[in-house]
Amino acid sequence: MPISLYNSLSRRTEPFLPLDPNRVTVYLCGPTVYNYVHIGNARGPAVFDVLVKLLRRHYAGVVYARNITDVDDKINAAALEQGVPIGQITSRFAQAYREDMAGLGIAPPDVEPHATAHIGQITAMIQTLIANGHAYEAEGHVLFDVASYSAYGALSGRDTDELIAGARVEVAPYKRNPTDFVLWKPSTPELPGWDSPWGRGRPGWHIECSAMSAAHLGETIDIHAGGVDLQFPHHENEIAQSTCAHGGKVFARWWLHNGMLTFDGRKMSKSLGNVLHVHELLKQHPHEALRLLLLRGHYRQPLDWSDAAVAQAISTLDGWYRVLRELSGVIVDMIQPLPVPERLEAALCDDLNTPQALAELSLLADAARQAPSAGSKAALLGGGAALGLLQQDPEAWFKQAGGNAVDATRVETLLEERRAARAARDFARADAIREELTSMGVVIEDGAQGTRWSVVKH
């Protein structure tokens, strides 16, 4: 089944054909680690986690890199404010980021390069750009000469005049052109820095990804992914410097950009007070509900986050897990990875159409409910696995409260007391226990198979 992906550079959907089917290369721009990440930062990792899973099903080898930016002015400011080395800031929040992504069911990358571990590769690339006439030194800085690269602006679709008029460019007297961007900048004594041919300093943000990508994936990669907010200037600059440093070779053959996340229709920002940190959300809601919400819109479109949308995601998963709970006695061979149903796989092959894939998952749940069998259960589980959903034991799902499990021992004790009260026809006591369970957020269902309980998650 062929995979087609929308290429931001060509502005059309194209059949995906890697350079080497035995080594498909994917690079995702990772976080700048100076604070906890918010849920908007998780959308790219979540959707491209599904993409990498898809690629691994279709190709013998996939190398997936997601970098860590661990030198940056925001990091420097945080370190100075707290009076600690930048490594103390970055190690803490890089680990927090890994834990947050794992908490959302996002698999770790094959390679996690750190910018500070690639200073040698960065300075070597800058030296090559200077030697090729694409960069110049000025007042301790090294800048890329945008005028030397005629294709600049192709990714963002902007011409030079537009870039000068409205771009996020730093005006400085040492620049030849307003659009020239920094590859290396000097560091004052209180700032982190490394020795270089241009004096003690530190790299610019854009050159870091180019050097790390080349070091681990090669000079030409198959897919470069990231948020649409990185399309300009970050990705535009990556293309320019990588192409010029590597003798005109194509840097990335496909560019994939995910849309931004809003909160109740408004942009997430600290000034509006609506930034939702992943580590806090994981304490409040089941992680699969957060993941489902991140996947419910097509990755290229904006996605709005709301409490109502979280509640709907939980309700949807309740329905699917209820089917699996009813099928608990049906045995499925789990030794091998379960195959992904064809229609769901076709949706993912069509430019990662997760909304359609989720619709197909709902149909699989309906089919398993109406015709319980090992085959229908396997199809539901296989489809869920492709999306990173339905990965829990159904009973564990229903006994979660928010992001945490309730005291199951206490609940079972109360249920046993209730059974005894009902047997003794002490219905007042039985009703009182039900009310106590309700106050704990526990819902009980009496049926032919006995009493089952679940936890209200919202």
Protein backbone atom coordinates (compact mmCIF):
# COMPACT_ATOMS: atom_id res chain seq x y z
CA MET A 1 0.00 0.00 0.00
CA PRO A 2 1.75 3.23 -1.14
CA ILE A 3 2.26 6.14 1.25
CA SER A 4 1.56 9.69 0.07
CA LEU A 5 2.62 12.79 2.01
CA TYR A 6 2.03 16.49 1.52
CA ASN A 7 5.35 18.22 0.86
CA SER A 8 5.41 21.81 2.13
CA LEU A 9 8.22 22.62 -0.30
CA SER A 10 6.42 21.51 -3.48
CA ARG A 11 2.98 22.38 -2.03
CA ARG A 12 1.44 19.14 -3.23
CA THR A 13 0.84 15.60 -2.05
CA GLU A 14 3.43 13.23 -3.48
CA PRO A 15 3.99 9.44 -3.38
CA PHE A 16 6.64 8.83 -0.74
CA LEU A 17 9.70 7.04 -2.10
CA PRO A 18 12.77 7.10 0.19
CA LEU A 19 16.29 7.30 -1.14
CA ASP A 20 17.12 3.99 0.55
CA PRO A 21 14.21 1.71 1.54
CA ASN A 22 16.52 0.04 4.04
CA ARG A 23 17.32 3.33 5.79
CA VAL A 24 14.47 5.85 5.79
CA THR A 25 15.62 9.02 7.56
CA VAL A 26 13.32 11.30 9.58
CA TYR A 27 14.28 14.42 11.55
CA LEU A 28 11.91 16.27 13.88
CA CYS A 29 12.81 19.59 15.47
CA GLY A 30 12.78 18.99 19.21
CA PRO A 31 12.44 21.27 22.23
CA THR A 32 14.54 24.08 23.63
CA VAL A 33 14.86 22.80 27.18
CA TYR A 34 14.51 25.69 29.63
CA ASN A 35 11.05 24.94 31.06
CA TYR A 36 8.26 22.37 30.99
CA VAL A 37 6.63 21.95 27.58
CA HIS A 38 2.98 22.76 26.96
CA ILE A 39 0.49 20.55 25.16
CA GLY A 40 0.97 22.46 21.90
CA ASN A 41 4.62 21.33 21.89
CA ALA A 42 3.40 17.73 21.98
CA ARG A 43 1.29 17.81 18.83
CA GLY A 44 4.21 17.33 16.43
CA PRO A 45 5.78 14.48 18.42
CA ALA A 46 2.38 12.77 18.70
CA VAL A 47 1.39 12.91 15.04
CA PHE A 48 4.88 12.13 13.75
CA ASP A 49 5.08 9.23 16.20
CA VAL A 50 2.18 7.75 14.22
CA LEU A 51 4.08 8.48 10.99
CA VAL A 52 7.22 6.72 12.21
CA LYS A 53 5.14 3.70 13.27
CA LEU A 54 3.63 3.69 9.77
CA LEU A 55 7.03 3.89 8.10
CA ARG A 56 8.38 1.05 10.23
CA ARG A 57 5.52 -1.16 9.01
CA HIS A 58 6.41 -0.43 5.38
CA TYR A 59 10.21 -0.25 5.35
CA ALA A 60 12.98 -2.47 6.66
CA GLY A 61 14.85 0.30 8.44
CA VAL A 62 13.87 3.73 9.77
CA VAL A 63 16.21 6.12 11.59
CA TYR A 64 14.28 8.75 13.51
CA ALA A 65 16.09 11.72 15.08
CA ARG A 66 14.56 14.31 17.41
CA ASN A 67 17.02 16.85 18.71
CA ILE A 68 17.46 18.68 22.00
CA THR A 69 18.41 22.38 21.81
CA ASP A 70 20.45 22.82 24.96
CA VAL A 71 22.13 26.17 24.28
CA ASP A 72 19.91 29.18 23.67
CA ASP A 73 19.36 32.71 24.95
CA LYS A 74 16.27 31.61 26.95
CA ILE A 75 18.32 28.87 28.59
CA ASN A 76 21.10 31.36 29.32
CA ALA A 77 18.62 33.78 30.89
CA ALA A 78 17.16 31.05 33.13
CA ALA A 79 20.62 29.90 34.22
CA LEU A 80 21.73 33.45 35.03
CA GLU A 81 18.55 34.13 36.98
CA GLN A 82 19.02 30.97 39.06
CA GLY A 83 22.81 31.28 39.30
CA VAL A 84 23.50 27.79 37.94
CA PRO A 85 25.31 26.38 34.87
CA ILE A 86 23.13 25.90 31.79
CA GLY A 87 23.63 22.14 32.04
CA GLN A 88 21.69 22.09 35.28
CA ILE A 89 18.73 23.72 33.55
CA THR A 90 18.89 21.67 30.37
CA SER A 91 19.42 18.25 31.95
CA ARG A 92 16.41 18.77 34.22
CA PHE A 93 14.01 19.87 31.51
CA ALA A 94 15.31 17.48 28.85
CA GLN A 95 14.49 14.62 31.21
CA ALA A 96 11.10 16.19 32.00
CA TYR A 97 10.42 16.37 28.25
CA ARG A 98 11.30 12.70 27.77
CA GLU A 99 8.99 11.75 30.63
CA ASP A 100 6.17 13.89 29.24
CA MET A 101 6.47 12.34 25.79
CA ALA A 102 6.62 8.82 27.24
CA GLY A 103 3.58 9.71 29.34
CA LEU A 104 1.67 10.43 26.11
CA GLY A 105 2.69 7.05 24.68
CA ILE A 106 5.20 8.62 22.27
CA ALA A 107 8.10 6.30 21.50
CA PRO A 108 11.61 7.71 21.98
CA PRO A 109 13.58 8.58 18.85
CA ASP A 110 16.38 6.37 17.61
CA VAL A 111 18.75 9.32 17.94
CA GLU A 112 18.49 12.29 20.32
CA PRO A 113 21.33 14.66 19.42
CA HIS A 114 22.15 17.56 21.74
CA ALA A 115 23.44 20.80 20.26
CA THR A 116 26.25 21.20 22.82
CA ALA A 117 27.61 17.76 21.85
CA HIS A 118 28.00 18.88 18.22
CA ILE A 119 30.01 22.09 18.49
CA GLY A 120 32.79 20.52 16.37
CA GLN A 121 30.39 19.65 13.55
CA ILE A 122 28.78 23.09 13.80
CA THR A 123 32.05 25.00 13.51
CA ALA A 124 33.20 22.74 10.65
CA MET A 125 30.00 23.47 8.72
CA ILE A 126 30.42 27.20 9.31
CA GLN A 127 34.00 27.04 8.05
CA THR A 128 32.79 25.30 4.89
CA LEU A 129 30.16 28.00 4.31
CA ILE A 130 32.77 30.74 4.69
CA ALA A 131 35.14 28.95 2.29
CA ASN A 132 32.32 28.55 -0.26
CA GLY A 133 31.46 32.24 -0.12
CA HIS A 134 28.11 31.75 1.60
CA ALA A 135 29.03 33.17 5.01
CA TYR A 136 31.17 36.00 6.37
CA GLU A 137 32.67 37.13 9.66
CA ALA A 138 31.76 40.53 11.11
CA GLU A 139 32.52 41.89 14.59
CA GLY A 140 32.96 38.45 16.13
CA HIS A 141 29.82 37.11 14.46
CA VAL A 142 29.57 34.78 11.50
CA LEU A 143 26.52 35.32 9.30
CA PHE A 144 24.99 33.50 6.39
CA ASP A 145 24.87 35.63 3.25
CA VAL A 146 21.28 35.16 2.07
CA ALA A 147 22.00 36.93 -1.23
CA SER A 148 24.42 34.12 -2.09
CA TYR A 149 21.59 31.56 -2.21
CA SER A 150 19.14 32.36 -4.98
CA ALA A 151 16.48 29.83 -3.86
CA TYR A 152 16.04 31.45 -0.44
CA GLY A 153 12.33 31.81 0.37
CA ALA A 154 11.15 28.78 -1.63
CA LEU A 155 9.83 26.91 1.42
CA SER A 156 7.89 29.82 2.91
CA GLY A 157 6.92 31.27 -0.46
CA ARG A 158 8.19 34.73 0.42
CA ASP A 159 10.33 37.00 -1.74
CA THR A 160 13.26 38.99 -0.39
CA ASP A 161 11.39 42.30 -0.24
CA GLU A 162 8.62 40.73 1.81
CA LEU A 163 11.16 39.10 4.09
CA ILE A 164 12.88 42.41 4.75
CA ALA A 165 9.58 44.23 5.34
CA GLY A 166 7.90 41.80 7.71
CA ALA A 167 10.24 39.02 8.71
CA ARG A 168 11.58 38.16 12.12
CA VAL A 169 15.07 39.42 11.33
CA GLU A 170 17.52 41.13 13.62
CA VAL A 171 18.72 44.46 12.24
CA ALA A 172 22.41 44.94 13.06
CA PRO A 173 25.10 47.21 11.63
CA TYR A 174 27.44 44.31 10.94
CA LYS A 175 25.01 42.64 8.51
CA ARG A 176 25.49 42.99 4.76
CA ASN A 177 21.75 42.43 4.23
CA PRO A 178 18.85 42.64 6.70
CA THR A 179 17.88 39.00 6.04
CA ASP A 180 21.35 37.58 6.82
CA PHE A 181 21.19 35.33 9.87
CA VAL A 182 23.66 34.41 12.59
CA LEU A 183 25.63 31.18 12.44
CA TRP A 184 27.98 32.02 15.33
CA LYS A 185 27.92 34.80 17.92
CA PRO A 186 30.37 35.94 20.58
CA SER A 187 29.83 35.12 24.25
CA THR A 188 30.54 37.54 27.08
CA PRO A 189 32.29 36.04 30.16
CA GLU A 190 29.06 35.25 32.04
CA LEU A 191 27.57 33.35 29.07
CA PRO A 192 28.41 29.81 27.94
CA GLY A 193 30.85 29.64 25.07
CA TRP A 194 33.26 27.48 23.12
CA ASP A 195 36.55 28.27 21.44
CA SER A 196 36.29 28.71 17.68
CA PRO A 197 38.24 30.26 14.79
CA TRP A 198 36.18 33.43 15.42
CA GLY A 199 36.76 33.62 19.14
CA ARG A 200 34.88 32.31 22.15
CA GLY A 201 31.19 32.09 21.33
CA ARG A 202 28.18 29.91 20.74
CA PRO A 203 26.19 28.73 17.72
CA GLY A 204 23.10 30.34 16.28
CA TRP A 205 19.92 28.31 16.55
CA HIS A 206 19.49 27.42 12.87
CA ILE A 207 22.94 25.93 12.25
CA GLU A 208 22.50 23.45 15.09
CA CYS A 209 19.82 21.37 13.35
CA SER A 210 21.69 21.33 10.06
CA ALA A 211 24.85 20.03 11.70
CA MET A 212 23.07 17.45 13.87
CA SER A 213 20.97 16.18 10.98
CA ALA A 214 24.01 15.74 8.74
CA ALA A 215 25.98 14.04 11.52
CA HIS A 216 23.38 11.37 12.21
CA LEU A 217 21.22 11.04 9.10
CA GLY A 218 23.42 12.21 6.22
CA GLU A 219 23.61 15.26 3.98
CA THR A 220 20.27 14.47 2.30
CA ILE A 221 17.39 13.16 4.42
CA ASP A 222 13.98 11.83 3.46
CA ILE A 223 11.69 13.74 5.84
CA HIS A 224 12.14 16.86 7.94
CA ALA A 225 9.19 17.62 10.21
CA GLY A 226 8.15 20.31 12.67
CA GLY A 227 5.53 22.87 13.56
CA VAL A 228 4.32 25.29 10.90
CA ASP A 229 5.67 28.12 13.08
CA LEU A 230 9.18 26.85 12.27
CA GLN A 231 8.69 27.03 8.51
CA PHE A 232 10.13 30.53 8.54
CA PRO A 233 12.76 31.43 9.47
CA HIS A 234 14.12 28.24 11.03
CA HIS A 235 13.47 25.69 8.30
CA GLU A 236 14.08 28.20 5.52
CA ASN A 237 17.49 28.90 7.03
CA GLU A 238 18.24 25.21 7.49
CA ILE A 239 17.67 24.62 3.78
CA ALA A 240 19.90 27.51 2.78
CA GLN A 241 22.88 26.64 4.96
CA SER A 242 22.67 22.85 4.44
CA THR A 243 22.33 23.12 0.67
CA CYS A 244 25.24 25.53 0.42
CA ALA A 245 27.45 23.56 2.82
CA HIS A 246 26.90 20.32 0.89
CA GLY A 247 27.62 21.49 -2.63
CA GLY A 248 24.03 22.07 -3.69
CA LYS A 249 22.66 18.70 -2.52
CA VAL A 250 18.99 18.57 -1.57
CA PHE A 251 18.75 18.85 2.20
CA ALA A 252 15.32 17.32 2.90
CA ARG A 253 13.20 15.66 0.23
CA TRP A 254 9.91 16.05 2.14
CA TRP A 255 8.97 18.84 4.52
CA LEU A 256 6.05 18.08 6.85
CA HIS A 257 4.52 20.77 9.06
CA ASN A 258 1.86 20.33 11.72
CA GLY A 259 -0.67 23.06 12.47
CA MET A 260 -0.76 24.97 15.74
CA LEU A 261 -2.84 24.26 18.82
CA THR A 262 -5.25 26.85 20.19
CA PHE A 263 -7.17 26.86 23.48
CA ASP A 264 -10.88 27.64 23.19
CA GLY A 265 -10.13 29.42 19.93
CA ARG A 266 -7.24 31.52 21.25
CA LYS A 267 -3.51 31.10 20.82
CA MET A 268 -1.75 29.54 23.78
CA SER A 269 0.50 32.09 25.45
CA LYS A 270 1.84 32.92 28.88
CA SER A 271 0.41 36.43 28.64
CA LEU A 272 -3.12 35.01 28.24
CA GLY A 273 -2.58 32.54 31.06
CA ASN A 274 -3.80 29.60 28.99
CA VAL A 275 -0.62 27.55 28.68
CA LEU A 276 -1.35 23.93 29.60
CA HIS A 277 1.76 22.00 30.61
CA VAL A 278 1.88 18.35 29.61
CA HIS A 279 3.08 17.14 33.02
CA GLU A 280 0.09 18.79 34.70
CA LEU A 281 -2.42 17.48 32.16
CA LEU A 282 -1.09 13.95 32.67
CA LYS A 283 -2.02 14.24 36.35
CA GLN A 284 -5.55 15.32 35.48
CA HIS A 285 -6.54 13.13 32.53
CA PRO A 286 -5.81 9.66 31.12
CA HIS A 287 -2.87 9.91 28.76
CA GLU A 288 -4.69 8.15 25.92
CA ALA A 289 -7.42 10.81 26.03
CA LEU A 290 -4.78 13.51 25.57
CA ARG A 291 -3.20 11.55 22.73
CA LEU A 292 -6.56 10.95 21.04
CA LEU A 293 -7.32 14.66 21.16
CA LEU A 294 -3.94 15.49 19.57
CA LEU A 295 -4.77 13.09 16.71
CA ARG A 296 -8.42 13.95 16.13
CA GLY A 297 -7.66 16.74 13.64
CA HIS A 298 -5.62 16.42 10.47
CA TYR A 299 -2.04 17.24 11.36
CA ARG A 300 -1.74 20.07 8.82
CA GLN A 301 -4.76 21.94 10.18
CA PRO A 302 -5.03 24.02 13.37
CA LEU A 303 -6.45 22.14 16.35
CA ASP A 304 -8.48 23.66 19.16
CA TRP A 305 -8.08 22.33 22.70
CA SER A 306 -10.90 22.62 25.21
CA ASP A 307 -12.18 20.91 28.34
CA ALA A 308 -15.19 19.74 26.36
CA ALA A 309 -12.92 18.15 23.74
CA VAL A 310 -11.00 16.30 26.47
CA ALA A 311 -14.28 15.03 27.93
CA GLN A 312 -15.38 13.85 24.47
CA ALA A 313 -12.08 12.00 23.98
CA ILE A 314 -12.55 10.24 27.33
CA SER A 315 -16.12 9.30 26.40
CA THR A 316 -14.96 7.88 23.07
CA LEU A 317 -12.30 5.77 24.75
CA ASP A 318 -14.81 4.61 27.35
CA GLY A 319 -16.92 3.20 24.52
CA TRP A 320 -14.01 1.42 22.87
CA TYR A 321 -12.68 0.01 26.13
CA ARG A 322 -16.18 -1.13 27.07
CA VAL A 323 -16.17 -3.31 23.95
CA LEU A 324 -12.79 -4.75 24.90
CA ARG A 325 -14.00 -5.42 28.44
CA GLU A 326 -16.96 -7.35 27.08
CA LEU A 327 -14.49 -9.35 24.97
CA SER A 328 -12.18 -10.10 27.91
CA GLY A 329 -12.84 -13.82 27.56
CA VAL A 330 -11.92 -13.85 23.86
CA ILE A 331 -8.28 -14.93 23.40
CA VAL A 332 -6.13 -13.18 20.80
CA ASP A 333 -2.60 -14.31 19.92
CA MET A 334 -0.45 -11.32 20.99
CA ILE A 335 2.95 -12.88 20.27
CA GLN A 336 3.34 -11.12 16.92
CA PRO A 337 2.40 -7.47 16.26
CA LEU A 338 -1.24 -7.47 15.30
CA PRO A 339 -1.92 -6.51 11.67
CA VAL A 340 -3.47 -3.11 11.03
CA PRO A 341 -6.86 -3.33 9.29
CA GLU A 342 -6.59 -2.34 5.65
CA ARG A 343 -8.98 0.63 5.66
CA LEU A 344 -7.35 2.17 8.72
CA GLU A 345 -3.89 1.68 7.23
CA ALA A 346 -5.08 3.25 3.95
CA ALA A 347 -6.21 6.34 5.87
CA LEU A 348 -2.78 6.72 7.46
CA CYS A 349 -1.07 6.16 4.10
CA ASP A 350 -3.12 9.06 2.74
CA ASP A 351 -1.04 11.91 4.19
CA LEU A 352 -1.47 10.64 7.74
CA ASN A 353 -5.25 11.12 7.79
CA THR A 354 -5.75 10.44 11.50
CA PRO A 355 -9.37 11.72 11.59
CA GLN A 356 -10.34 9.07 9.02
CA ALA A 357 -8.25 6.47 10.85
CA LEU A 358 -10.12 7.25 14.08
CA ALA A 359 -13.43 6.93 12.24
CA GLU A 360 -12.31 3.51 11.02
CA LEU A 361 -11.40 2.57 14.60
CA SER A 362 -14.94 3.43 15.68
CA LEU A 363 -16.29 1.16 12.95
CA LEU A 364 -14.01 -1.64 14.16
CA ALA A 365 -15.35 -1.17 17.70
CA ASP A 366 -18.93 -1.35 16.38
CA ALA A 367 -18.11 -4.52 14.44
CA ALA A 368 -16.53 -6.15 17.50
CA ARG A 369 -19.56 -5.20 19.62
CA GLN A 370 -22.03 -6.66 17.12
CA ALA A 371 -20.04 -9.77 16.20
CA PRO A 372 -17.64 -10.69 19.02
CA SER A 373 -14.79 -12.91 17.89
CA ALA A 374 -11.02 -13.25 18.08
CA GLY A 375 -10.80 -11.67 14.63
CA SER A 376 -12.87 -8.61 15.45
CA LYS A 377 -11.02 -8.10 18.73
CA ALA A 378 -7.63 -8.44 16.99
CA ALA A 379 -8.70 -5.90 14.35
CA LEU A 380 -9.72 -3.40 17.03
CA LEU A 381 -6.48 -3.87 18.96
CA GLY A 382 -4.37 -3.73 15.79
CA GLY A 383 -6.04 -0.53 14.66
CA GLY A 384 -5.62 1.01 18.09
CA ALA A 385 -1.93 0.10 18.20
CA ALA A 386 -1.31 1.92 14.91
CA LEU A 387 -2.54 5.10 16.62
CA GLY A 388 -1.01 4.39 20.02
CA LEU A 389 -4.46 3.83 21.55
CA LEU A 390 -6.19 0.96 23.38
CA GLN A 391 -2.87 -0.05 24.90
CA GLN A 392 -4.20 -0.65 28.42
CA ASP A 393 -6.06 -3.48 30.09
CA PRO A 394 -9.75 -2.49 29.95
CA GLU A 395 -10.21 -2.94 33.70
CA ALA A 396 -7.22 -0.68 34.38
CA TRP A 397 -8.73 1.95 32.06
CA PHE A 398 -12.04 2.00 33.88
CA LYS A 399 -10.35 2.20 37.27
CA GLN A 400 -8.33 5.32 36.45
CA ALA A 401 -9.30 8.68 37.87
CA GLY A 402 -7.75 11.45 35.82
CA GLY A 403 -4.17 10.42 35.30
CA ASN A 404 -4.04 8.19 38.40
CA ALA A 405 -5.66 5.01 39.64
CA VAL A 406 -8.03 5.14 42.62
CA ASP A 407 -7.61 3.01 45.73
CA ALA A 408 -8.92 -0.22 44.23
CA THR A 409 -8.56 -2.09 47.54
CA ARG A 410 -10.86 0.40 49.26
CA VAL A 411 -13.40 0.15 46.43
CA GLU A 412 -13.40 -3.66 46.50
CA THR A 413 -13.84 -3.62 50.28
CA LEU A 414 -16.87 -1.35 49.97
CA LEU A 415 -18.33 -3.52 47.20
CA GLU A 416 -17.94 -6.60 49.39
CA GLU A 417 -19.71 -4.79 52.23
CA ARG A 418 -22.46 -3.81 49.80
CA ARG A 419 -22.89 -7.41 48.63
CA ALA A 420 -23.18 -8.52 52.25
CA ALA A 421 -25.70 -5.78 53.03
CA ARG A 422 -27.84 -6.72 50.04
CA ALA A 423 -27.70 -10.40 51.00
CA ALA A 424 -28.91 -9.41 54.47
CA ARG A 425 -31.61 -7.24 52.84
CA ASP A 426 -30.10 -4.18 54.52
CA PHE A 427 -30.87 -1.99 51.53
CA ALA A 428 -30.34 1.25 53.44
CA ARG A 429 -26.74 0.25 54.11
CA ALA A 430 -26.30 -0.90 50.50
CA ASP A 431 -27.58 2.46 49.24
CA ALA A 432 -25.31 4.32 51.65
CA ILE A 433 -22.30 2.42 50.28
CA ARG A 434 -23.33 3.24 46.70
CA GLU A 435 -23.49 6.92 47.68
CA GLU A 436 -20.05 6.70 49.28
CA LEU A 437 -18.67 5.15 46.09
CA THR A 438 -20.35 7.86 44.02
CA SER A 439 -18.65 10.51 46.16
CA MET A 440 -15.32 8.84 45.31
CA GLY A 441 -16.17 9.16 41.61
CA VAL A 442 -16.87 5.44 41.28
CA VAL A 443 -19.77 4.16 39.17
CA ILE A 444 -21.02 0.62 39.75
CA GLU A 445 -22.95 -1.61 37.36
CA ASP A 446 -24.84 -4.66 38.57
CA GLY A 447 -25.14 -7.36 35.93
CA ALA A 448 -25.26 -11.06 35.24
CA GLN A 449 -21.48 -11.25 35.63
CA GLY A 450 -21.58 -9.55 39.01
CA THR A 451 -20.83 -5.96 39.96
CA ARG A 452 -18.36 -4.00 37.83
CA TRP A 453 -17.04 -0.61 38.70
CA SER A 454 -15.43 2.26 36.87
CA VAL A 455 -14.21 5.76 37.67
CA VAL A 456 -15.64 9.00 36.34
CA LYS A 457 -12.70 10.68 34.57
CA HIS A 458 -14.17 14.14 33.97
